[in-house]
């Protein structure tokens, strides 16, 4: 798994132009059954992929924290929201709350998340490959294929199954 993670940025870079062209066409003319296909591809891939063997998303990027996320997580720590923000978060260039640093503070050495049950929405939904109207998040997906081996595999399988 570690070899695959190490090679992922290069693989994604090599496929970037091809993927960008594919997503541009997909955006213009999405197949009628795209949401169903994406759900199927997502489920097939995550039946094979164990995120606990990887956790590259937690090691290399940080999620956005919504107000609801902050309230929920702070409550689980028995903290006030402002105290949670001051302890763990910062505002990024777009004025969104993000982690002060990566890898994620809540990621253990065993790749388990210490706040898994209350984790941010962005973490619960990552890599967003089963999202409705998938064609609308192509820029995000182009980034995620360089981070998540499962997202990379899903996009490669997508290109085989969808003729544009």
N, C-alpha and C. Protein backbone atom coordinates (compact mmCIF):
# COMPACT_ATOMS: atom_id res chain seq x y z
N UNK A 1 0.84 -1.20 0.00
CA UNK A 1 0.00 0.00 0.00
C UNK A 1 0.88 1.26 0.00
N UNK A 2 1.97 1.23 0.79
CA UNK A 2 2.81 2.42 0.88
C UNK A 2 3.44 2.77 -0.47
N UNK A 3 3.80 1.76 -1.25
CA UNK A 3 4.34 2.01 -2.60
C UNK A 3 3.32 2.73 -3.46
N UNK A 4 2.08 2.26 -3.38
CA UNK A 4 1.01 2.89 -4.16
C UNK A 4 0.82 4.35 -3.74
N UNK A 5 0.85 4.60 -2.44
CA UNK A 5 0.70 5.97 -1.92
C UNK A 5 1.87 6.84 -2.39
N UNK A 6 3.08 6.29 -2.33
CA UNK A 6 4.27 7.05 -2.75
C UNK A 6 4.24 7.38 -4.23
N UNK A 7 3.71 6.47 -5.05
CA UNK A 7 3.66 6.67 -6.50
C UNK A 7 2.47 7.51 -6.96
N UNK A 8 1.50 7.68 -6.09
CA UNK A 8 0.25 8.35 -6.46
C UNK A 8 0.42 9.76 -7.03
N UNK A 9 1.20 10.64 -6.42
CA UNK A 9 1.34 11.98 -7.00
C UNK A 9 1.85 11.95 -8.45
N UNK A 10 2.81 11.08 -8.73
CA UNK A 10 3.35 10.98 -10.09
C UNK A 10 2.30 10.39 -11.04
N UNK A 11 1.63 9.33 -10.61
CA UNK A 11 0.57 8.73 -11.43
C UNK A 11 -0.51 9.76 -11.76
N UNK A 12 -0.93 10.50 -10.74
CA UNK A 12 -1.98 11.51 -10.93
C UNK A 12 -1.50 12.61 -11.87
N UNK A 13 -0.25 13.01 -11.72
CA UNK A 13 0.31 14.05 -12.59
C UNK A 13 0.35 13.57 -14.04
N UNK A 14 0.78 12.31 -14.25
CA UNK A 14 0.83 11.74 -15.60
C UNK A 14 -0.55 11.67 -16.25
N UNK A 15 -1.59 11.46 -15.45
CA UNK A 15 -2.96 11.32 -15.96
C UNK A 15 -3.74 12.64 -15.93
N UNK A 16 -3.14 13.70 -15.38
CA UNK A 16 -3.87 14.95 -15.14
C UNK A 16 -4.53 15.51 -16.40
N UNK A 17 -3.78 15.61 -17.48
CA UNK A 17 -4.32 16.19 -18.70
C UNK A 17 -5.47 15.33 -19.24
N UNK A 18 -5.26 14.03 -19.26
CA UNK A 18 -6.30 13.09 -19.71
C UNK A 18 -7.55 13.21 -18.84
N UNK A 19 -7.36 13.26 -17.52
CA UNK A 19 -8.48 13.37 -16.59
C UNK A 19 -9.22 14.70 -16.75
N UNK A 20 -8.45 15.77 -16.92
CA UNK A 20 -9.05 17.10 -17.07
C UNK A 20 -9.93 17.15 -18.33
N UNK A 21 -9.45 16.58 -19.42
CA UNK A 21 -10.21 16.52 -20.67
C UNK A 21 -11.47 15.68 -20.47
N UNK A 22 -11.32 14.53 -19.81
CA UNK A 22 -12.45 13.65 -19.54
C UNK A 22 -13.52 14.38 -18.73
N UNK A 23 -13.10 15.06 -17.65
CA UNK A 23 -14.07 15.76 -16.79
C UNK A 23 -14.72 16.94 -17.50
N UNK A 24 -14.00 17.61 -18.38
CA UNK A 24 -14.59 18.72 -19.14
C UNK A 24 -15.73 18.19 -20.02
N UNK A 25 -15.50 17.05 -20.67
CA UNK A 25 -16.54 16.43 -21.50
C UNK A 25 -17.70 15.93 -20.63
N UNK A 26 -17.36 15.36 -19.48
CA UNK A 26 -18.38 14.84 -18.56
C UNK A 26 -19.30 15.96 -18.08
N UNK A 27 -18.72 17.12 -17.81
CA UNK A 27 -19.49 18.28 -17.34
C UNK A 27 -20.48 18.74 -18.41
N UNK A 28 -20.02 18.74 -19.68
CA UNK A 28 -20.87 19.20 -20.78
C UNK A 28 -22.03 18.24 -21.05
N UNK A 29 -21.76 16.94 -20.94
CA UNK A 29 -22.78 15.96 -21.28
C UNK A 29 -22.73 14.77 -20.33
N UNK A 30 -23.18 14.98 -19.08
CA UNK A 30 -23.14 13.86 -18.13
C UNK A 30 -24.15 12.76 -18.52
N UNK A 31 -23.74 11.50 -18.43
CA UNK A 31 -24.68 10.41 -18.72
C UNK A 31 -25.86 10.44 -17.74
N UNK A 32 -27.01 9.98 -18.20
CA UNK A 32 -28.22 9.99 -17.35
C UNK A 32 -28.02 9.21 -16.05
N UNK A 33 -27.31 8.12 -16.11
CA UNK A 33 -27.15 7.25 -14.94
C UNK A 33 -25.86 7.50 -14.16
N UNK A 34 -25.27 8.67 -14.33
CA UNK A 34 -23.97 8.94 -13.71
C UNK A 34 -23.97 8.75 -12.20
N UNK A 35 -24.97 9.27 -11.50
CA UNK A 35 -25.02 9.14 -10.03
C UNK A 35 -25.04 7.67 -9.61
N UNK A 36 -25.81 6.85 -10.35
CA UNK A 36 -25.88 5.42 -10.02
C UNK A 36 -24.55 4.73 -10.28
N UNK A 37 -23.93 5.07 -11.40
CA UNK A 37 -22.64 4.49 -11.74
C UNK A 37 -21.59 4.86 -10.69
N UNK A 38 -21.58 6.12 -10.29
CA UNK A 38 -20.60 6.57 -9.30
C UNK A 38 -20.80 5.85 -7.96
N UNK A 39 -22.05 5.67 -7.58
CA UNK A 39 -22.36 4.94 -6.34
C UNK A 39 -21.80 3.51 -6.44
N UNK A 40 -22.02 2.88 -7.59
CA UNK A 40 -21.56 1.52 -7.81
C UNK A 40 -20.02 1.44 -7.78
N UNK A 41 -19.36 2.34 -8.50
CA UNK A 41 -17.90 2.35 -8.54
C UNK A 41 -17.32 2.60 -7.15
N UNK A 42 -17.94 3.53 -6.43
CA UNK A 42 -17.50 3.88 -5.07
C UNK A 42 -17.60 2.65 -4.16
N UNK A 43 -18.76 1.99 -4.19
CA UNK A 43 -18.96 0.81 -3.33
C UNK A 43 -18.00 -0.32 -3.69
N UNK A 44 -17.83 -0.57 -4.99
CA UNK A 44 -16.90 -1.62 -5.43
C UNK A 44 -15.49 -1.33 -4.93
N UNK A 45 -15.05 -0.10 -5.09
CA UNK A 45 -13.69 0.26 -4.69
C UNK A 45 -13.51 0.16 -3.18
N UNK A 46 -14.48 0.64 -2.41
CA UNK A 46 -14.31 0.62 -0.96
C UNK A 46 -14.59 -0.75 -0.35
N UNK A 47 -15.07 -1.70 -1.15
CA UNK A 47 -15.10 -3.09 -0.70
C UNK A 47 -13.69 -3.69 -0.76
N UNK A 48 -12.84 -3.12 -1.63
CA UNK A 48 -11.46 -3.59 -1.79
C UNK A 48 -10.46 -2.77 -0.97
N UNK A 49 -10.79 -1.53 -0.71
CA UNK A 49 -9.84 -0.60 -0.09
C UNK A 49 -10.13 -0.40 1.38
N UNK A 50 -9.11 -0.55 2.20
CA UNK A 50 -9.22 -0.31 3.64
C UNK A 50 -8.51 1.00 3.96
N UNK A 51 -9.27 2.01 4.27
CA UNK A 51 -8.70 3.33 4.56
C UNK A 51 -7.69 3.30 5.70
N UNK A 52 -7.85 2.36 6.62
CA UNK A 52 -6.92 2.27 7.76
C UNK A 52 -5.53 1.84 7.33
N UNK A 53 -5.40 1.23 6.15
CA UNK A 53 -4.08 0.87 5.63
C UNK A 53 -3.38 2.08 5.01
N UNK A 54 -4.13 3.14 4.76
CA UNK A 54 -3.62 4.29 4.02
C UNK A 54 -3.60 5.56 4.86
N UNK A 55 -4.77 6.12 5.08
CA UNK A 55 -4.95 7.39 5.83
C UNK A 55 -4.15 8.54 5.23
N UNK A 56 -3.84 8.46 3.93
CA UNK A 56 -3.06 9.51 3.29
C UNK A 56 -3.79 10.86 3.33
N UNK A 57 -5.11 10.83 3.24
CA UNK A 57 -5.88 12.08 3.32
C UNK A 57 -5.62 12.78 4.65
N UNK A 58 -5.60 12.02 5.73
CA UNK A 58 -5.38 12.59 7.07
C UNK A 58 -3.93 13.03 7.29
N UNK A 59 -3.02 12.38 6.55
CA UNK A 59 -1.60 12.68 6.71
C UNK A 59 -1.15 13.87 5.88
N UNK A 60 -1.86 14.16 4.78
CA UNK A 60 -1.37 15.17 3.85
C UNK A 60 -2.29 16.38 3.66
N UNK A 61 -3.54 16.27 4.05
CA UNK A 61 -4.47 17.40 3.88
C UNK A 61 -5.31 17.54 5.14
N UNK A 62 -5.98 18.66 5.23
CA UNK A 62 -6.88 18.87 6.36
C UNK A 62 -8.25 19.25 5.85
N UNK A 63 -9.29 18.85 6.56
CA UNK A 63 -10.64 19.18 6.13
C UNK A 63 -11.03 20.61 6.50
N UNK A 64 -12.09 21.09 5.87
CA UNK A 64 -12.73 22.32 6.32
C UNK A 64 -13.63 21.94 7.49
N UNK A 65 -13.72 22.81 8.46
CA UNK A 65 -14.59 22.59 9.61
C UNK A 65 -15.75 23.57 9.52
N UNK A 66 -16.96 23.05 9.39
CA UNK A 66 -18.14 23.92 9.38
C UNK A 66 -18.47 24.30 10.82
N UNK A 67 -19.38 25.27 10.97
CA UNK A 67 -19.81 25.65 12.32
C UNK A 67 -20.42 24.45 13.05
N UNK A 68 -21.21 23.65 12.32
CA UNK A 68 -21.81 22.45 12.92
C UNK A 68 -20.74 21.47 13.38
N UNK A 69 -19.71 21.29 12.55
CA UNK A 69 -18.61 20.40 12.92
C UNK A 69 -17.96 20.87 14.21
N UNK A 70 -17.67 22.16 14.27
CA UNK A 70 -16.99 22.74 15.42
C UNK A 70 -17.83 22.55 16.68
N UNK A 71 -19.12 22.84 16.58
CA UNK A 71 -20.02 22.68 17.74
C UNK A 71 -20.03 21.23 18.22
N UNK A 72 -20.19 20.29 17.28
CA UNK A 72 -20.29 18.87 17.60
C UNK A 72 -19.00 18.34 18.23
N UNK A 73 -17.86 18.68 17.63
CA UNK A 73 -16.59 18.17 18.13
C UNK A 73 -16.24 18.81 19.47
N UNK A 74 -16.46 20.11 19.58
CA UNK A 74 -16.18 20.81 20.84
C UNK A 74 -17.01 20.20 21.97
N UNK A 75 -18.27 19.93 21.69
CA UNK A 75 -19.16 19.33 22.69
C UNK A 75 -18.60 17.97 23.14
N UNK A 76 -18.09 17.18 22.18
CA UNK A 76 -17.55 15.87 22.53
C UNK A 76 -16.31 15.99 23.43
N UNK A 77 -15.59 17.10 23.31
CA UNK A 77 -14.42 17.37 24.15
C UNK A 77 -14.80 18.11 25.44
N UNK A 78 -16.10 18.41 25.57
CA UNK A 78 -16.59 19.21 26.69
C UNK A 78 -15.88 20.56 26.74
N UNK A 79 -15.78 21.16 25.56
CA UNK A 79 -15.13 22.47 25.40
C UNK A 79 -16.15 23.44 24.81
N UNK A 80 -15.89 24.69 24.96
CA UNK A 80 -16.66 25.71 24.25
C UNK A 80 -16.11 25.75 22.82
N UNK A 81 -16.95 26.12 21.86
CA UNK A 81 -16.54 26.16 20.46
C UNK A 81 -15.31 27.03 20.27
N UNK A 82 -15.29 28.19 20.91
CA UNK A 82 -14.16 29.12 20.75
C UNK A 82 -12.86 28.51 21.28
N UNK A 83 -12.95 27.77 22.34
CA UNK A 83 -11.77 27.11 22.90
C UNK A 83 -11.25 26.04 21.93
N UNK A 84 -12.18 25.29 21.32
CA UNK A 84 -11.79 24.28 20.32
C UNK A 84 -11.08 24.95 19.14
N UNK A 85 -11.66 26.05 18.67
CA UNK A 85 -11.08 26.80 17.54
C UNK A 85 -9.66 27.25 17.89
N UNK A 86 -9.51 27.86 19.05
CA UNK A 86 -8.20 28.38 19.46
C UNK A 86 -7.16 27.27 19.63
N UNK A 87 -7.61 26.10 20.06
CA UNK A 87 -6.70 24.99 20.33
C UNK A 87 -6.27 24.27 19.05
N UNK A 88 -7.21 24.08 18.12
CA UNK A 88 -6.94 23.19 16.99
C UNK A 88 -7.01 23.81 15.59
N UNK A 89 -7.68 24.95 15.46
CA UNK A 89 -7.98 25.45 14.12
C UNK A 89 -7.34 26.81 13.83
N UNK A 90 -7.38 27.15 12.54
CA UNK A 90 -6.97 28.48 12.07
C UNK A 90 -7.86 28.82 10.89
N UNK A 91 -7.90 30.10 10.54
CA UNK A 91 -8.63 30.53 9.35
C UNK A 91 -7.67 30.50 8.16
N UNK A 92 -8.11 29.92 7.05
CA UNK A 92 -7.26 29.90 5.86
C UNK A 92 -7.52 31.14 5.00
N UNK A 93 -6.91 31.16 3.80
CA UNK A 93 -7.01 32.33 2.91
C UNK A 93 -8.46 32.63 2.50
N UNK A 94 -9.29 31.60 2.49
CA UNK A 94 -10.69 31.78 2.08
C UNK A 94 -11.62 31.97 3.28
N UNK A 95 -11.03 32.21 4.44
CA UNK A 95 -11.78 32.43 5.67
C UNK A 95 -12.55 31.20 6.15
N UNK A 96 -12.01 30.02 5.84
CA UNK A 96 -12.59 28.77 6.32
C UNK A 96 -11.74 28.25 7.47
N UNK A 97 -12.39 27.59 8.42
CA UNK A 97 -11.65 26.97 9.51
C UNK A 97 -11.02 25.67 9.03
N UNK A 98 -9.72 25.54 9.25
CA UNK A 98 -8.96 24.34 8.92
C UNK A 98 -8.05 24.01 10.09
N UNK A 99 -7.45 22.84 10.06
CA UNK A 99 -6.51 22.44 11.11
C UNK A 99 -5.30 23.37 11.11
N UNK A 100 -4.72 23.56 12.27
CA UNK A 100 -3.51 24.39 12.37
C UNK A 100 -2.35 23.74 11.63
N UNK A 101 -2.33 22.41 11.58
CA UNK A 101 -1.24 21.72 10.89
C UNK A 101 -1.69 20.34 10.43
N UNK A 102 -0.93 19.78 9.48
CA UNK A 102 -1.13 18.40 9.07
C UNK A 102 0.18 17.65 9.34
N UNK A 103 0.17 16.37 9.62
CA UNK A 103 -0.99 15.49 9.60
C UNK A 103 -2.02 15.88 10.67
N UNK A 104 -3.21 15.35 10.50
CA UNK A 104 -4.32 15.68 11.39
C UNK A 104 -3.97 15.34 12.84
N UNK A 105 -4.27 16.28 13.69
CA UNK A 105 -4.04 16.16 15.13
C UNK A 105 -4.74 14.94 15.71
N UNK A 106 -5.85 14.55 15.10
CA UNK A 106 -6.69 13.50 15.65
C UNK A 106 -6.37 12.11 15.08
N UNK A 107 -5.34 12.03 14.23
CA UNK A 107 -4.93 10.77 13.62
C UNK A 107 -3.92 10.07 14.52
N UNK A 108 -4.22 8.81 14.86
CA UNK A 108 -3.31 8.04 15.70
C UNK A 108 -2.26 7.33 14.86
N UNK A 109 -1.23 6.80 15.50
CA UNK A 109 -0.15 6.08 14.81
C UNK A 109 -0.69 4.84 14.10
N UNK A 110 -1.83 4.33 14.57
CA UNK A 110 -2.46 3.15 13.96
C UNK A 110 -3.43 3.52 12.83
N UNK A 111 -3.42 4.80 12.44
CA UNK A 111 -4.31 5.35 11.40
C UNK A 111 -5.77 5.45 11.82
N UNK A 112 -6.04 5.25 13.09
CA UNK A 112 -7.40 5.45 13.59
C UNK A 112 -7.61 6.91 13.95
N UNK A 113 -8.83 7.38 13.76
CA UNK A 113 -9.20 8.76 14.08
C UNK A 113 -9.78 8.80 15.49
N UNK A 114 -9.22 9.65 16.32
CA UNK A 114 -9.69 9.73 17.72
C UNK A 114 -11.05 10.43 17.84
N UNK A 115 -11.50 11.09 16.78
CA UNK A 115 -12.81 11.75 16.81
C UNK A 115 -13.73 11.18 15.72
N UNK A 116 -13.49 9.94 15.33
CA UNK A 116 -14.20 9.33 14.20
C UNK A 116 -15.72 9.51 14.27
N UNK A 117 -16.31 9.27 15.42
CA UNK A 117 -17.77 9.35 15.55
C UNK A 117 -18.32 10.76 15.39
N UNK A 118 -17.48 11.78 15.59
CA UNK A 118 -17.93 13.17 15.46
C UNK A 118 -17.11 13.93 14.42
N UNK A 119 -16.38 13.22 13.58
CA UNK A 119 -15.46 13.84 12.61
C UNK A 119 -16.20 14.82 11.70
N UNK A 120 -15.44 15.75 11.11
CA UNK A 120 -16.06 16.75 10.22
C UNK A 120 -16.76 16.11 9.01
N UNK A 121 -17.75 16.82 8.51
CA UNK A 121 -18.50 16.37 7.33
C UNK A 121 -17.55 16.10 6.17
N UNK A 122 -16.55 16.95 5.97
CA UNK A 122 -15.59 16.77 4.87
C UNK A 122 -14.87 15.43 4.99
N UNK A 123 -14.58 15.00 6.19
CA UNK A 123 -13.92 13.70 6.40
C UNK A 123 -14.89 12.56 6.13
N UNK A 124 -16.12 12.70 6.61
CA UNK A 124 -17.12 11.65 6.40
C UNK A 124 -17.37 11.41 4.92
N UNK A 125 -17.33 12.47 4.13
CA UNK A 125 -17.68 12.37 2.71
C UNK A 125 -16.48 12.11 1.79
N UNK A 126 -15.25 12.26 2.30
CA UNK A 126 -14.07 12.08 1.46
C UNK A 126 -14.01 10.65 0.92
N UNK A 127 -13.63 10.43 -0.32
CA UNK A 127 -13.13 11.34 -1.35
C UNK A 127 -14.23 11.91 -2.26
N UNK A 128 -15.46 11.88 -1.80
CA UNK A 128 -16.59 12.52 -2.50
C UNK A 128 -16.94 11.84 -3.82
N UNK A 129 -16.51 10.60 -4.02
CA UNK A 129 -16.76 9.91 -5.29
C UNK A 129 -18.15 9.31 -5.38
N UNK A 130 -18.92 9.36 -4.32
CA UNK A 130 -20.30 8.88 -4.38
C UNK A 130 -21.31 10.02 -4.29
N UNK A 131 -20.83 11.22 -4.52
CA UNK A 131 -21.66 12.41 -4.43
C UNK A 131 -22.64 12.52 -5.59
N UNK A 132 -23.82 13.03 -5.32
CA UNK A 132 -24.78 13.30 -6.40
C UNK A 132 -24.23 14.44 -7.27
N UNK A 133 -24.59 14.44 -8.53
CA UNK A 133 -24.10 15.43 -9.50
C UNK A 133 -22.57 15.49 -9.46
N UNK A 134 -21.98 14.33 -9.50
CA UNK A 134 -20.53 14.16 -9.40
C UNK A 134 -19.77 15.06 -10.38
N UNK A 135 -20.32 15.26 -11.57
CA UNK A 135 -19.62 16.05 -12.60
C UNK A 135 -19.36 17.48 -12.14
N UNK A 136 -20.06 17.95 -11.12
CA UNK A 136 -19.89 19.33 -10.64
C UNK A 136 -18.68 19.51 -9.73
N UNK A 137 -18.07 18.41 -9.31
CA UNK A 137 -16.92 18.52 -8.41
C UNK A 137 -15.64 18.00 -9.07
N UNK A 138 -15.54 18.17 -10.37
CA UNK A 138 -14.39 17.62 -11.09
C UNK A 138 -13.06 18.22 -10.62
N UNK A 139 -13.02 19.50 -10.29
CA UNK A 139 -11.76 20.10 -9.82
C UNK A 139 -11.31 19.47 -8.51
N UNK A 140 -12.25 19.22 -7.63
CA UNK A 140 -11.95 18.56 -6.36
C UNK A 140 -11.46 17.14 -6.62
N UNK A 141 -12.11 16.43 -7.52
CA UNK A 141 -11.73 15.06 -7.84
C UNK A 141 -10.33 15.01 -8.43
N UNK A 142 -10.00 15.97 -9.29
CA UNK A 142 -8.65 16.02 -9.87
C UNK A 142 -7.58 16.14 -8.78
N UNK A 143 -7.89 16.88 -7.71
CA UNK A 143 -6.96 16.99 -6.58
C UNK A 143 -6.92 15.68 -5.78
N UNK A 144 -8.09 15.10 -5.57
CA UNK A 144 -8.19 13.92 -4.71
C UNK A 144 -7.52 12.68 -5.29
N UNK A 145 -7.44 12.57 -6.62
CA UNK A 145 -6.77 11.40 -7.21
C UNK A 145 -5.28 11.38 -6.88
N UNK A 146 -4.72 12.51 -6.52
CA UNK A 146 -3.31 12.58 -6.14
C UNK A 146 -3.11 12.28 -4.65
N UNK A 147 -4.20 12.19 -3.90
CA UNK A 147 -4.15 11.98 -2.45
C UNK A 147 -4.66 10.59 -2.07
N UNK A 148 -5.72 10.16 -2.75
CA UNK A 148 -6.46 8.95 -2.36
C UNK A 148 -6.35 7.87 -3.43
N UNK A 149 -5.70 6.75 -3.11
CA UNK A 149 -5.61 5.66 -4.10
C UNK A 149 -6.98 5.18 -4.56
N UNK A 150 -7.97 5.17 -3.68
CA UNK A 150 -9.31 4.73 -4.07
C UNK A 150 -9.92 5.69 -5.09
N UNK A 151 -9.76 6.98 -4.87
CA UNK A 151 -10.28 7.98 -5.83
C UNK A 151 -9.60 7.80 -7.18
N UNK A 152 -8.31 7.57 -7.17
CA UNK A 152 -7.56 7.34 -8.41
C UNK A 152 -8.15 6.13 -9.15
N UNK A 153 -8.34 5.02 -8.43
CA UNK A 153 -8.88 3.80 -9.04
C UNK A 153 -10.29 4.01 -9.57
N UNK A 154 -11.10 4.75 -8.84
CA UNK A 154 -12.48 5.02 -9.27
C UNK A 154 -12.49 5.81 -10.57
N UNK A 155 -11.65 6.83 -10.66
CA UNK A 155 -11.60 7.65 -11.88
C UNK A 155 -11.10 6.81 -13.06
N UNK A 156 -10.11 5.97 -12.83
CA UNK A 156 -9.61 5.12 -13.91
C UNK A 156 -10.71 4.17 -14.41
N UNK A 157 -11.47 3.61 -13.48
CA UNK A 157 -12.56 2.70 -13.86
C UNK A 157 -13.69 3.47 -14.55
N UNK A 158 -13.95 4.67 -14.10
CA UNK A 158 -14.95 5.54 -14.71
C UNK A 158 -14.65 5.77 -16.18
N UNK A 159 -13.39 6.07 -16.47
CA UNK A 159 -12.98 6.36 -17.84
C UNK A 159 -13.17 5.13 -18.75
N UNK A 160 -13.05 3.94 -18.17
CA UNK A 160 -13.27 2.71 -18.94
C UNK A 160 -14.76 2.50 -19.24
N UNK A 161 -15.59 2.86 -18.26
CA UNK A 161 -17.03 2.56 -18.36
C UNK A 161 -17.87 3.63 -19.04
N UNK A 162 -17.36 4.87 -19.04
CA UNK A 162 -18.12 5.96 -19.65
C UNK A 162 -17.42 6.39 -20.94
N UNK A 163 -18.10 6.19 -22.03
CA UNK A 163 -17.54 6.60 -23.32
C UNK A 163 -18.07 7.99 -23.65
N UNK A 164 -17.16 8.97 -23.76
CA UNK A 164 -17.57 10.35 -24.05
C UNK A 164 -17.08 10.77 -25.42
